Amino acid sequence: MLVIAVINPKGGVGKSTFSTNLAGYFAAQGKQVMLGDADVQQSSKSWLSLRPSQLPPIAGWDIVDGHIAKPPKGTTHVVIDTPAGLGGAKLDAILKIANKVVVPLQASMFDILATEEFLQKLKKREYPYELGIVGMRVNARTKAADQLAHYVSQLGLPVLGYLRDTQNYIQLAAHGATLWDVAASKVEKDLAQWEDLLVWIQKR
């Protein structure tokens, strides 16, 4: 079973957007995927309630007070969306079961500085997960993207890719859908940005 934890202590960086679309990719591939929501705001759980029954199924997985229950038999992929300010025993419980940890990070210096100490802690890797960064709402050809890549490289961490700022994510989320639930021609630029990300996430 592959478990991907999507973590950043700062709110509003795109964790739920990343988590729901990653789960949507696995579902489109015919995987038995669960979307765990450790956030008190329950953004991902609310999104699941909007998902039409005719789309590839994504099961919900409640994580209450950091308690991690064993997924049902047959589950092949788990994506865990986490809240801002996650730490202590709740963070450890998630890191303990994660194969991959993805940190969505916006390319502003404020976001970078707010995340620096947290990334240093994750980098110590008390548990055997792999760690990578995703630039959110950023154009890969801008100085902001270069700044983010330079900062992350100093930490010895990979930038897995950049996801642009587009209404596609917002409009699809409003209907419980993902990039993989619509015609590829409508979201071609966005799908291309996920290619390298997905290679890293699925590499065992």
N, C-alpha and C. Protein backbone atom coordinates (compact mmCIF):
# COMPACT_ATOMS: atom_id res chain seq x y z
N MET A 1 0.84 -1.20 0.00
CA MET A 1 0.00 0.00 0.00
C MET A 1 0.88 1.25 0.00
N LEU A 2 0.57 2.19 -0.87
CA LEU A 2 1.32 3.43 -0.96
C LEU A 2 0.57 4.52 -0.19
N VAL A 3 1.26 5.16 0.76
CA VAL A 3 0.66 6.22 1.58
C VAL A 3 1.41 7.52 1.33
N ILE A 4 0.67 8.53 0.86
CA ILE A 4 1.26 9.85 0.59
C ILE A 4 0.65 10.85 1.55
N ALA A 5 1.48 11.50 2.35
CA ALA A 5 1.02 12.55 3.27
C ALA A 5 1.34 13.91 2.67
N VAL A 6 0.35 14.79 2.65
CA VAL A 6 0.51 16.13 2.09
C VAL A 6 0.50 17.11 3.26
N ILE A 7 1.66 17.71 3.54
CA ILE A 7 1.86 18.42 4.80
C ILE A 7 2.50 19.79 4.58
N ASN A 8 1.99 20.78 5.29
CA ASN A 8 2.63 22.09 5.42
C ASN A 8 1.99 22.75 6.64
N PRO A 9 2.79 23.26 7.58
CA PRO A 9 2.20 23.87 8.78
C PRO A 9 1.46 25.17 8.50
N LYS A 10 1.68 25.75 7.32
CA LYS A 10 1.02 27.00 6.97
C LYS A 10 -0.28 26.71 6.23
N GLY A 11 -1.30 27.46 6.52
CA GLY A 11 -2.58 27.27 5.85
C GLY A 11 -2.63 28.00 4.51
N GLY A 12 -3.57 27.59 3.67
CA GLY A 12 -3.81 28.29 2.41
C GLY A 12 -2.77 28.10 1.34
N VAL A 13 -2.00 27.02 1.42
CA VAL A 13 -0.94 26.82 0.42
C VAL A 13 -1.36 25.85 -0.69
N GLY A 14 -2.53 25.23 -0.56
CA GLY A 14 -3.00 24.33 -1.61
C GLY A 14 -2.93 22.86 -1.28
N LYS A 15 -2.87 22.52 0.01
CA LYS A 15 -2.78 21.11 0.39
C LYS A 15 -3.99 20.30 -0.08
N SER A 16 -5.18 20.84 0.13
CA SER A 16 -6.39 20.10 -0.26
C SER A 16 -6.51 19.99 -1.78
N THR A 17 -6.13 21.04 -2.49
CA THR A 17 -6.13 20.99 -3.95
C THR A 17 -5.21 19.88 -4.44
N PHE A 18 -4.03 19.82 -3.88
CA PHE A 18 -3.07 18.79 -4.28
C PHE A 18 -3.58 17.40 -3.90
N SER A 19 -4.07 17.26 -2.67
CA SER A 19 -4.51 15.96 -2.16
C SER A 19 -5.66 15.38 -2.97
N THR A 20 -6.67 16.21 -3.24
CA THR A 20 -7.85 15.71 -3.95
C THR A 20 -7.51 15.33 -5.38
N ASN A 21 -6.66 16.12 -6.02
CA ASN A 21 -6.29 15.79 -7.40
C ASN A 21 -5.39 14.57 -7.48
N LEU A 22 -4.54 14.38 -6.50
CA LEU A 22 -3.72 13.17 -6.47
C LEU A 22 -4.59 11.94 -6.28
N ALA A 23 -5.54 12.03 -5.37
CA ALA A 23 -6.48 10.92 -5.17
C ALA A 23 -7.28 10.66 -6.45
N GLY A 24 -7.65 11.75 -7.14
CA GLY A 24 -8.38 11.61 -8.39
C GLY A 24 -7.58 10.91 -9.46
N TYR A 25 -6.29 11.16 -9.49
CA TYR A 25 -5.42 10.46 -10.45
C TYR A 25 -5.41 8.96 -10.18
N PHE A 26 -5.20 8.59 -8.92
CA PHE A 26 -5.16 7.16 -8.60
C PHE A 26 -6.49 6.49 -8.92
N ALA A 27 -7.59 7.18 -8.61
CA ALA A 27 -8.90 6.62 -8.91
C ALA A 27 -9.09 6.40 -10.41
N ALA A 28 -8.62 7.35 -11.20
CA ALA A 28 -8.74 7.24 -12.65
C ALA A 28 -7.91 6.08 -13.20
N GLN A 29 -6.88 5.69 -12.44
CA GLN A 29 -6.05 4.55 -12.83
C GLN A 29 -6.63 3.22 -12.35
N GLY A 30 -7.78 3.28 -11.74
CA GLY A 30 -8.43 2.05 -11.27
C GLY A 30 -7.93 1.55 -9.94
N LYS A 31 -7.20 2.38 -9.20
CA LYS A 31 -6.68 1.98 -7.89
C LYS A 31 -7.78 2.07 -6.82
N GLN A 32 -7.60 1.32 -5.77
CA GLN A 32 -8.50 1.39 -4.61
C GLN A 32 -7.93 2.46 -3.68
N VAL A 33 -8.41 3.68 -3.83
CA VAL A 33 -7.79 4.81 -3.15
C VAL A 33 -8.69 5.35 -2.05
N MET A 34 -8.04 5.77 -0.96
CA MET A 34 -8.72 6.42 0.14
C MET A 34 -8.13 7.81 0.32
N LEU A 35 -8.98 8.77 0.65
CA LEU A 35 -8.55 10.13 0.92
C LEU A 35 -8.78 10.40 2.40
N GLY A 36 -7.70 10.49 3.15
CA GLY A 36 -7.79 10.75 4.58
C GLY A 36 -7.76 12.23 4.86
N ASP A 37 -8.59 12.71 5.76
CA ASP A 37 -8.67 14.13 6.07
C ASP A 37 -8.38 14.32 7.55
N ALA A 38 -7.17 14.81 7.85
CA ALA A 38 -6.78 15.05 9.23
C ALA A 38 -7.00 16.50 9.64
N ASP A 39 -7.61 17.27 8.75
CA ASP A 39 -7.85 18.69 8.99
C ASP A 39 -9.19 18.90 9.69
N VAL A 40 -9.20 19.72 10.74
CA VAL A 40 -10.45 19.98 11.46
C VAL A 40 -11.48 20.66 10.56
N GLN A 41 -11.01 21.38 9.54
CA GLN A 41 -11.93 22.02 8.61
C GLN A 41 -12.59 21.01 7.68
N GLN A 42 -12.01 19.81 7.59
CA GLN A 42 -12.58 18.72 6.79
C GLN A 42 -12.83 19.13 5.33
N SER A 43 -11.88 19.84 4.74
CA SER A 43 -12.04 20.31 3.36
C SER A 43 -12.14 19.15 2.38
N SER A 44 -11.26 18.17 2.53
CA SER A 44 -11.27 17.03 1.61
C SER A 44 -12.52 16.18 1.80
N LYS A 45 -12.94 16.02 3.04
CA LYS A 45 -14.15 15.25 3.30
C LYS A 45 -15.37 15.93 2.68
N SER A 46 -15.43 17.25 2.79
CA SER A 46 -16.53 18.00 2.18
C SER A 46 -16.49 17.87 0.67
N TRP A 47 -15.29 17.89 0.11
CA TRP A 47 -15.13 17.71 -1.34
C TRP A 47 -15.66 16.35 -1.78
N LEU A 48 -15.35 15.32 -1.01
CA LEU A 48 -15.84 13.98 -1.35
C LEU A 48 -17.36 13.92 -1.39
N SER A 49 -18.00 14.69 -0.52
CA SER A 49 -19.47 14.69 -0.49
C SER A 49 -20.07 15.29 -1.76
N LEU A 50 -19.28 16.05 -2.49
CA LEU A 50 -19.73 16.66 -3.74
C LEU A 50 -19.45 15.77 -4.95
N ARG A 51 -18.65 14.74 -4.76
CA ARG A 51 -18.18 13.94 -5.90
C ARG A 51 -19.31 13.09 -6.49
N PRO A 52 -19.60 13.25 -7.79
CA PRO A 52 -20.67 12.48 -8.43
C PRO A 52 -20.38 10.98 -8.42
N SER A 53 -21.42 10.18 -8.26
CA SER A 53 -21.26 8.73 -8.16
C SER A 53 -20.74 8.10 -9.44
N GLN A 54 -20.91 8.77 -10.59
CA GLN A 54 -20.46 8.18 -11.84
C GLN A 54 -18.96 8.34 -12.09
N LEU A 55 -18.30 9.16 -11.26
CA LEU A 55 -16.86 9.32 -11.38
C LEU A 55 -16.14 8.18 -10.66
N PRO A 56 -14.88 7.89 -11.02
CA PRO A 56 -14.13 6.83 -10.34
C PRO A 56 -14.16 7.05 -8.83
N PRO A 57 -14.48 6.01 -8.07
CA PRO A 57 -14.70 6.18 -6.62
C PRO A 57 -13.43 6.48 -5.82
N ILE A 58 -13.60 7.34 -4.84
CA ILE A 58 -12.56 7.64 -3.85
C ILE A 58 -13.20 7.47 -2.49
N ALA A 59 -12.68 6.58 -1.69
CA ALA A 59 -13.25 6.34 -0.37
C ALA A 59 -12.71 7.36 0.63
N GLY A 60 -13.54 7.76 1.58
CA GLY A 60 -13.12 8.66 2.64
C GLY A 60 -12.53 7.87 3.80
N TRP A 61 -11.59 8.48 4.48
CA TRP A 61 -10.94 7.84 5.62
C TRP A 61 -10.81 8.88 6.73
N ASP A 62 -11.64 8.76 7.74
CA ASP A 62 -11.63 9.72 8.83
C ASP A 62 -10.43 9.48 9.75
N ILE A 63 -9.75 10.56 10.06
CA ILE A 63 -8.64 10.52 11.01
C ILE A 63 -9.01 11.45 12.16
N VAL A 64 -9.36 10.88 13.28
CA VAL A 64 -9.88 11.66 14.39
C VAL A 64 -8.82 11.80 15.48
N ASP A 65 -8.52 13.06 15.83
CA ASP A 65 -7.55 13.35 16.88
C ASP A 65 -6.21 12.65 16.65
N GLY A 66 -5.82 12.56 15.38
CA GLY A 66 -4.53 11.96 15.06
C GLY A 66 -4.53 10.45 15.10
N HIS A 67 -5.68 9.83 15.40
CA HIS A 67 -5.73 8.37 15.46
C HIS A 67 -5.82 7.80 14.05
N ILE A 68 -4.87 6.97 13.70
CA ILE A 68 -4.81 6.38 12.37
C ILE A 68 -5.37 4.96 12.41
N ALA A 69 -6.52 4.77 11.81
CA ALA A 69 -7.12 3.44 11.75
C ALA A 69 -6.53 2.68 10.57
N LYS A 70 -6.60 1.38 10.63
CA LYS A 70 -6.10 0.56 9.53
C LYS A 70 -7.08 0.62 8.37
N PRO A 71 -6.60 0.94 7.14
CA PRO A 71 -7.50 1.01 5.98
C PRO A 71 -8.13 -0.35 5.69
N PRO A 72 -9.29 -0.38 5.07
CA PRO A 72 -9.94 -1.65 4.72
C PRO A 72 -9.06 -2.49 3.80
N LYS A 73 -9.24 -3.77 3.87
CA LYS A 73 -8.50 -4.70 3.02
C LYS A 73 -8.76 -4.38 1.56
N GLY A 74 -7.71 -4.42 0.76
CA GLY A 74 -7.86 -4.13 -0.66
C GLY A 74 -7.45 -2.71 -1.04
N THR A 75 -7.29 -1.83 -0.04
CA THR A 75 -6.86 -0.47 -0.32
C THR A 75 -5.43 -0.48 -0.86
N THR A 76 -5.21 0.18 -1.98
CA THR A 76 -3.88 0.18 -2.59
C THR A 76 -3.15 1.51 -2.41
N HIS A 77 -3.92 2.62 -2.30
CA HIS A 77 -3.32 3.94 -2.23
C HIS A 77 -4.07 4.79 -1.21
N VAL A 78 -3.33 5.52 -0.38
CA VAL A 78 -3.92 6.43 0.60
C VAL A 78 -3.27 7.79 0.45
N VAL A 79 -4.09 8.83 0.36
CA VAL A 79 -3.61 10.21 0.34
C VAL A 79 -4.15 10.89 1.60
N ILE A 80 -3.27 11.49 2.39
CA ILE A 80 -3.69 12.12 3.64
C ILE A 80 -3.51 13.63 3.54
N ASP A 81 -4.62 14.35 3.62
CA ASP A 81 -4.63 15.81 3.65
C ASP A 81 -4.52 16.24 5.11
N THR A 82 -3.62 17.16 5.40
CA THR A 82 -3.34 17.51 6.80
C THR A 82 -3.62 18.99 7.07
N PRO A 83 -3.84 19.34 8.34
CA PRO A 83 -4.17 20.73 8.69
C PRO A 83 -2.95 21.61 8.87
N ALA A 84 -3.18 22.92 8.87
CA ALA A 84 -2.14 23.87 9.25
C ALA A 84 -1.79 23.63 10.72
N GLY A 85 -0.53 23.86 11.05
CA GLY A 85 -0.11 23.74 12.44
C GLY A 85 0.05 22.33 12.94
N LEU A 86 0.05 21.35 12.04
CA LEU A 86 0.18 19.96 12.46
C LEU A 86 1.54 19.73 13.12
N GLY A 87 1.54 19.05 14.27
CA GLY A 87 2.80 18.79 14.96
C GLY A 87 2.62 17.75 16.04
N GLY A 88 3.68 17.50 16.79
CA GLY A 88 3.62 16.59 17.93
C GLY A 88 3.24 15.17 17.56
N ALA A 89 2.45 14.55 18.42
CA ALA A 89 2.08 13.14 18.25
C ALA A 89 1.23 12.92 16.99
N LYS A 90 0.40 13.92 16.65
CA LYS A 90 -0.44 13.77 15.45
C LYS A 90 0.42 13.72 14.19
N LEU A 91 1.43 14.58 14.13
CA LEU A 91 2.35 14.55 12.99
C LEU A 91 3.11 13.24 12.95
N ASP A 92 3.62 12.80 14.09
CA ASP A 92 4.38 11.55 14.13
C ASP A 92 3.54 10.36 13.67
N ALA A 93 2.27 10.34 14.06
CA ALA A 93 1.40 9.23 13.68
C ALA A 93 1.25 9.13 12.16
N ILE A 94 1.20 10.28 11.50
CA ILE A 94 1.07 10.29 10.04
C ILE A 94 2.40 9.96 9.37
N LEU A 95 3.49 10.57 9.85
CA LEU A 95 4.80 10.30 9.26
C LEU A 95 5.20 8.84 9.40
N LYS A 96 4.75 8.20 10.47
CA LYS A 96 5.12 6.81 10.72
C LYS A 96 4.61 5.87 9.65
N ILE A 97 3.47 6.20 9.03
CA ILE A 97 2.89 5.31 8.04
C ILE A 97 3.11 5.78 6.60
N ALA A 98 3.71 6.97 6.44
CA ALA A 98 3.87 7.54 5.10
C ALA A 98 5.06 6.96 4.35
N ASN A 99 4.84 6.66 3.07
CA ASN A 99 5.93 6.30 2.18
C ASN A 99 6.54 7.55 1.54
N LYS A 100 5.65 8.51 1.23
CA LYS A 100 6.07 9.76 0.60
C LYS A 100 5.44 10.92 1.36
N VAL A 101 6.20 11.99 1.54
CA VAL A 101 5.69 13.21 2.14
C VAL A 101 5.88 14.34 1.12
N VAL A 102 4.78 14.97 0.75
CA VAL A 102 4.82 16.08 -0.21
C VAL A 102 4.47 17.36 0.54
N VAL A 103 5.30 18.38 0.37
CA VAL A 103 5.06 19.68 1.00
C VAL A 103 4.72 20.70 -0.09
N PRO A 104 3.45 21.06 -0.23
CA PRO A 104 3.08 22.13 -1.16
C PRO A 104 3.58 23.47 -0.60
N LEU A 105 4.24 24.25 -1.43
CA LEU A 105 4.85 25.48 -0.94
C LEU A 105 4.71 26.58 -1.99
N GLN A 106 4.17 27.72 -1.59
CA GLN A 106 4.09 28.84 -2.50
C GLN A 106 5.43 29.56 -2.55
N ALA A 107 5.66 30.28 -3.64
CA ALA A 107 7.00 30.82 -3.90
C ALA A 107 7.24 32.20 -3.32
N SER A 108 6.48 32.60 -2.33
CA SER A 108 6.74 33.88 -1.68
C SER A 108 7.73 33.68 -0.53
N MET A 109 8.53 34.71 -0.27
CA MET A 109 9.51 34.60 0.81
C MET A 109 8.84 34.39 2.16
N PHE A 110 7.65 34.94 2.35
CA PHE A 110 6.92 34.76 3.60
C PHE A 110 6.58 33.29 3.83
N ASP A 111 6.11 32.62 2.78
CA ASP A 111 5.78 31.21 2.88
C ASP A 111 7.03 30.36 3.10
N ILE A 112 8.08 30.71 2.39
CA ILE A 112 9.33 29.96 2.50
C ILE A 112 9.88 30.05 3.92
N LEU A 113 9.94 31.25 4.46
CA LEU A 113 10.48 31.43 5.81
C LEU A 113 9.61 30.76 6.87
N ALA A 114 8.29 30.79 6.65
CA ALA A 114 7.37 30.18 7.61
C ALA A 114 7.50 28.66 7.63
N THR A 115 8.06 28.11 6.58
CA THR A 115 8.14 26.65 6.45
C THR A 115 9.53 26.10 6.72
N GLU A 116 10.52 26.98 6.79
CA GLU A 116 11.92 26.54 6.87
C GLU A 116 12.20 25.60 8.03
N GLU A 117 11.80 25.99 9.22
CA GLU A 117 12.08 25.15 10.40
C GLU A 117 11.39 23.80 10.29
N PHE A 118 10.16 23.81 9.77
CA PHE A 118 9.42 22.57 9.61
C PHE A 118 10.11 21.64 8.62
N LEU A 119 10.59 22.18 7.51
CA LEU A 119 11.29 21.36 6.52
C LEU A 119 12.57 20.77 7.10
N GLN A 120 13.25 21.54 7.93
CA GLN A 120 14.46 21.03 8.57
C GLN A 120 14.14 19.82 9.45
N LYS A 121 13.01 19.88 10.15
CA LYS A 121 12.61 18.75 10.99
C LYS A 121 12.25 17.53 10.14
N LEU A 122 11.49 17.77 9.07
CA LEU A 122 11.11 16.65 8.20
C LEU A 122 12.32 16.00 7.56
N LYS A 123 13.30 16.82 7.25
CA LYS A 123 14.50 16.33 6.57
C LYS A 123 15.28 15.33 7.42
N LYS A 124 15.13 15.43 8.74
CA LYS A 124 15.86 14.51 9.63
C LYS A 124 15.40 13.07 9.44
N ARG A 125 14.17 12.90 8.94
CA ARG A 125 13.65 11.59 8.57
C ARG A 125 13.79 10.54 9.67
N GLU A 126 13.11 10.80 10.75
CA GLU A 126 13.07 9.81 11.82
C GLU A 126 12.41 8.53 11.32
N TYR A 127 11.50 8.69 10.35
CA TYR A 127 10.82 7.55 9.73
C TYR A 127 11.27 7.47 8.26
N PRO A 128 11.19 6.29 7.65
CA PRO A 128 11.77 6.09 6.31
C PRO A 128 10.90 6.54 5.14
N TYR A 129 10.43 7.77 5.17
CA TYR A 129 9.66 8.29 4.04
C TYR A 129 10.59 9.10 3.12
N GLU A 130 10.12 9.33 1.90
CA GLU A 130 10.81 10.23 0.98
C GLU A 130 10.09 11.57 1.00
N LEU A 131 10.87 12.65 0.87
CA LEU A 131 10.33 14.00 1.03
C LEU A 131 10.58 14.83 -0.22
N GLY A 132 9.55 15.53 -0.69
CA GLY A 132 9.69 16.39 -1.85
C GLY A 132 8.80 17.63 -1.73
N ILE A 133 9.15 18.67 -2.50
CA ILE A 133 8.45 19.96 -2.48
C ILE A 133 7.72 20.16 -3.80
N VAL A 134 6.52 20.75 -3.71
CA VAL A 134 5.77 21.13 -4.91
C VAL A 134 5.50 22.63 -4.85
N GLY A 135 5.92 23.35 -5.88
CA GLY A 135 5.63 24.78 -5.96
C GLY A 135 4.18 24.98 -6.37
N MET A 136 3.41 25.66 -5.57
CA MET A 136 1.98 25.85 -5.82
C MET A 136 1.68 27.27 -6.29
N ARG A 137 0.77 27.36 -7.28
CA ARG A 137 0.32 28.65 -7.81
C ARG A 137 1.50 29.48 -8.28
N VAL A 138 2.39 28.86 -9.03
CA VAL A 138 3.59 29.55 -9.48
C VAL A 138 3.91 29.17 -10.93
N ASN A 139 4.36 30.14 -11.68
CA ASN A 139 4.83 29.91 -13.04
C ASN A 139 6.29 29.47 -12.96
N ALA A 140 6.59 28.32 -13.54
CA ALA A 140 7.93 27.76 -13.44
C ALA A 140 9.00 28.64 -14.11
N ARG A 141 8.57 29.58 -14.94
CA ARG A 141 9.53 30.41 -15.67
C ARG A 141 9.79 31.76 -15.00
N THR A 142 9.30 31.94 -13.80
CA THR A 142 9.44 33.23 -13.13
C THR A 142 10.61 33.24 -12.14
N LYS A 143 10.99 34.45 -11.72
CA LYS A 143 12.04 34.60 -10.71
C LYS A 143 11.61 33.97 -9.38
N ALA A 144 10.30 34.02 -9.11
CA ALA A 144 9.79 33.43 -7.87
C ALA A 144 10.06 31.94 -7.84
N ALA A 145 9.88 31.27 -8.98
CA ALA A 145 10.15 29.84 -9.06
C ALA A 145 11.64 29.57 -8.88
N ASP A 146 12.49 30.41 -9.47
CA ASP A 146 13.94 30.26 -9.29
C ASP A 146 14.33 30.42 -7.83
N GLN A 147 13.69 31.38 -7.18
CA GLN A 147 13.97 31.63 -5.76
C GLN A 147 13.59 30.42 -4.91
N LEU A 148 12.44 29.84 -5.21
CA LEU A 148 11.98 28.67 -4.47
C LEU A 148 12.93 27.49 -4.70
N ALA A 149 13.32 27.28 -5.95
CA ALA A 149 14.22 26.17 -6.28
C ALA A 149 15.57 26.34 -5.59
N HIS A 150 16.07 27.58 -5.56
CA HIS A 150 17.36 27.86 -4.91
C HIS A 150 17.29 27.57 -3.42
N TYR A 151 16.22 28.02 -2.79
CA TYR A 151 16.05 27.80 -1.35
C TYR A 151 15.97 26.32 -1.03
N VAL A 152 15.15 25.60 -1.78
CA VAL A 152 14.94 24.18 -1.51
C VAL A 152 16.22 23.39 -1.77
N SER A 153 16.97 23.78 -2.80
CA SER A 153 18.22 23.06 -3.11
C SER A 153 19.23 23.20 -1.98
N GLN A 154 19.20 24.35 -1.28
CA GLN A 154 20.11 24.55 -0.14
C GLN A 154 19.78 23.60 1.00
N LEU A 155 18.53 23.16 1.06
CA LEU A 155 18.13 22.18 2.08
C LEU A 155 18.39 20.75 1.63
N GLY A 156 18.81 20.61 0.37
CA GLY A 156 19.05 19.27 -0.15
C GLY A 156 17.79 18.51 -0.47
N LEU A 157 16.72 19.25 -0.80
CA LEU A 157 15.44 18.63 -1.11
C LEU A 157 15.07 18.87 -2.57
N PRO A 158 14.34 17.95 -3.19
CA PRO A 158 13.95 18.14 -4.58
C PRO A 158 12.67 18.95 -4.74
N VAL A 159 12.64 19.83 -5.75
CA VAL A 159 11.38 20.43 -6.19
C VAL A 159 10.81 19.49 -7.24
N LEU A 160 9.70 18.87 -6.91
CA LEU A 160 9.12 17.84 -7.77
C LEU A 160 8.43 18.43 -8.99
N GLY A 161 8.00 19.68 -8.89
CA GLY A 161 7.31 20.33 -9.99
C GLY A 161 6.62 21.59 -9.53
N TYR A 162 5.97 22.26 -10.48
CA TYR A 162 5.25 23.49 -10.20
C TYR A 162 3.84 23.39 -10.77
N LEU A 163 2.86 23.76 -9.99
CA LEU A 163 1.47 23.78 -10.45
C LEU A 163 1.03 25.23 -10.58
N ARG A 164 0.54 25.58 -11.74
CA ARG A 164 0.20 26.98 -12.01
C ARG A 164 -1.07 27.43 -11.30
N ASP A 165 -1.23 28.73 -11.23
CA ASP A 165 -2.43 29.33 -10.66
C ASP A 165 -3.50 29.39 -11.75
N THR A 166 -4.51 28.56 -11.65
CA THR A 166 -5.53 28.47 -12.68
C THR A 166 -6.90 28.22 -12.06
N GLN A 167 -7.94 28.69 -12.74
CA GLN A 167 -9.31 28.47 -12.28
C GLN A 167 -9.75 27.02 -12.47
N ASN A 168 -9.00 26.25 -13.24
CA ASN A 168 -9.39 24.86 -13.47
C ASN A 168 -9.57 24.10 -12.17
N TYR A 169 -8.62 24.25 -11.25
CA TYR A 169 -8.71 23.55 -9.97
C TYR A 169 -9.93 23.99 -9.17
N ILE A 170 -10.18 25.27 -9.15
CA ILE A 170 -11.30 25.81 -8.39
C ILE A 170 -12.63 25.34 -8.95
N GLN A 171 -12.77 25.42 -10.26
CA GLN A 171 -14.03 25.04 -10.89
C GLN A 171 -14.30 23.54 -10.76
N LEU A 172 -13.27 22.73 -10.91
CA LEU A 172 -13.45 21.28 -10.77
C LEU A 172 -13.77 20.90 -9.33
N ALA A 173 -13.09 21.54 -8.38
CA ALA A 173 -13.32 21.22 -6.97
C ALA A 173 -14.76 21.50 -6.57
N ALA A 174 -15.36 22.52 -7.15
CA ALA A 174 -16.74 22.88 -6.82
C ALA A 174 -17.72 21.78 -7.19
N HIS A 175 -17.29 20.84 -8.04
CA HIS A 175 -18.15 19.74 -8.46
C HIS A 175 -17.60 18.38 -8.02
N GLY A 176 -16.68 18.40 -7.07
CA GLY A 176 -16.12 17.14 -6.57
C GLY A 176 -15.29 16.40 -7.60
N ALA A 177 -14.70 17.15 -8.53
CA ALA A 177 -13.97 16.54 -9.64
C ALA A 177 -12.49 16.93 -9.61
N THR A 178 -11.71 16.27 -10.46
CA THR A 178 -10.28 16.53 -10.57
C THR A 178 -9.89 16.66 -12.04
N LEU A 179 -8.63 16.94 -12.27
CA LEU A 179 -8.14 17.06 -13.64
C LEU A 179 -8.38 15.81 -14.46
N TRP A 180 -8.43 14.67 -13.79
CA TRP A 180 -8.55 13.39 -14.49
C TRP A 180 -10.00 12.96 -14.72
N ASP A 181 -10.92 13.83 -14.36
CA ASP A 181 -12.35 13.53 -14.52
C ASP A 181 -12.97 14.26 -15.71
N VAL A 182 -12.15 15.03 -16.43
CA VAL A 182 -12.65 15.77 -17.58
C VAL A 182 -11.79 15.44 -18.79
N ALA A 183 -12.23 15.87 -19.96
CA ALA A 183 -11.47 15.62 -21.19
C ALA A 183 -10.07 16.22 -21.06
N ALA A 184 -9.06 15.45 -21.42
CA ALA A 184 -7.67 15.88 -21.27
C ALA A 184 -7.40 17.17 -22.04
N SER A 185 -8.09 17.37 -23.14
CA SER A 185 -7.86 18.56 -23.97
C SER A 185 -8.22 19.85 -23.22
N LYS A 186 -9.10 19.75 -22.23
CA LYS A 186 -9.53 20.93 -21.48
C LYS A 186 -8.52 21.36 -20.41
N VAL A 187 -7.67 20.42 -20.00
CA VAL A 187 -6.72 20.70 -18.91
C VAL A 187 -5.31 20.24 -19.30
N GLU A 188 -5.02 20.32 -20.57
CA GLU A 188 -3.76 19.79 -21.10
C GLU A 188 -2.53 20.37 -20.40
N LYS A 189 -2.50 21.69 -20.22
CA LYS A 189 -1.35 22.34 -19.58
C LYS A 189 -1.16 21.86 -18.15
N ASP A 190 -2.27 21.66 -17.46
CA ASP A 190 -2.19 21.24 -16.05
C ASP A 190 -1.74 19.78 -15.93
N LEU A 191 -2.25 18.93 -16.77
CA LEU A 191 -1.84 17.52 -16.74
C LEU A 191 -0.34 17.39 -16.99
N ALA A 192 0.19 18.21 -17.89
CA ALA A 192 1.62 18.15 -18.19
C ALA A 192 2.46 18.48 -16.96
N GLN A 193 1.96 19.38 -16.12
CA GLN A 193 2.71 19.77 -14.92
C GLN A 193 2.77 18.66 -13.88
N TRP A 194 1.87 17.71 -13.97
CA TRP A 194 1.83 16.61 -13.00
C TRP A 194 2.73 15.44 -13.39
N GLU A 195 3.22 15.40 -14.59
CA GLU A 195 3.90 14.21 -15.09
C GLU A 195 5.10 13.81 -14.23
N ASP A 196 6.03 14.74 -14.00
CA ASP A 196 7.22 14.41 -13.20
C ASP A 196 6.84 14.13 -11.75
N LEU A 197 5.86 14.88 -11.24
CA LEU A 197 5.37 14.66 -9.88
C LEU A 197 4.92 13.21 -9.68
N LEU A 198 4.14 12.74 -10.62
CA LEU A 198 3.56 11.41 -10.51
C LEU A 198 4.60 10.31 -10.64
N VAL A 199 5.62 10.56 -11.44
CA VAL A 199 6.73 9.59 -11.55
C VAL A 199 7.40 9.42 -10.19
N TRP A 200 7.69 10.54 -9.53
CA TRP A 200 8.36 10.49 -8.21
C TRP A 200 7.46 9.83 -7.17
N ILE A 201 6.20 10.18 -7.16
CA ILE A 201 5.27 9.67 -6.16
C ILE A 201 5.10 8.17 -6.29
N GLN A 202 5.09 7.65 -7.50
CA GLN A 202 4.82 6.23 -7.72
C GLN A 202 6.08 5.37 -7.71
N LYS A 203 7.24 6.00 -7.73
CA LYS A 203 8.49 5.24 -7.71
C LYS A 203 8.70 4.63 -6.34
N ARG A 204 8.89 3.33 -6.27
CA ARG A 204 9.03 2.64 -4.99
C ARG A 204 10.48 2.21 -4.76
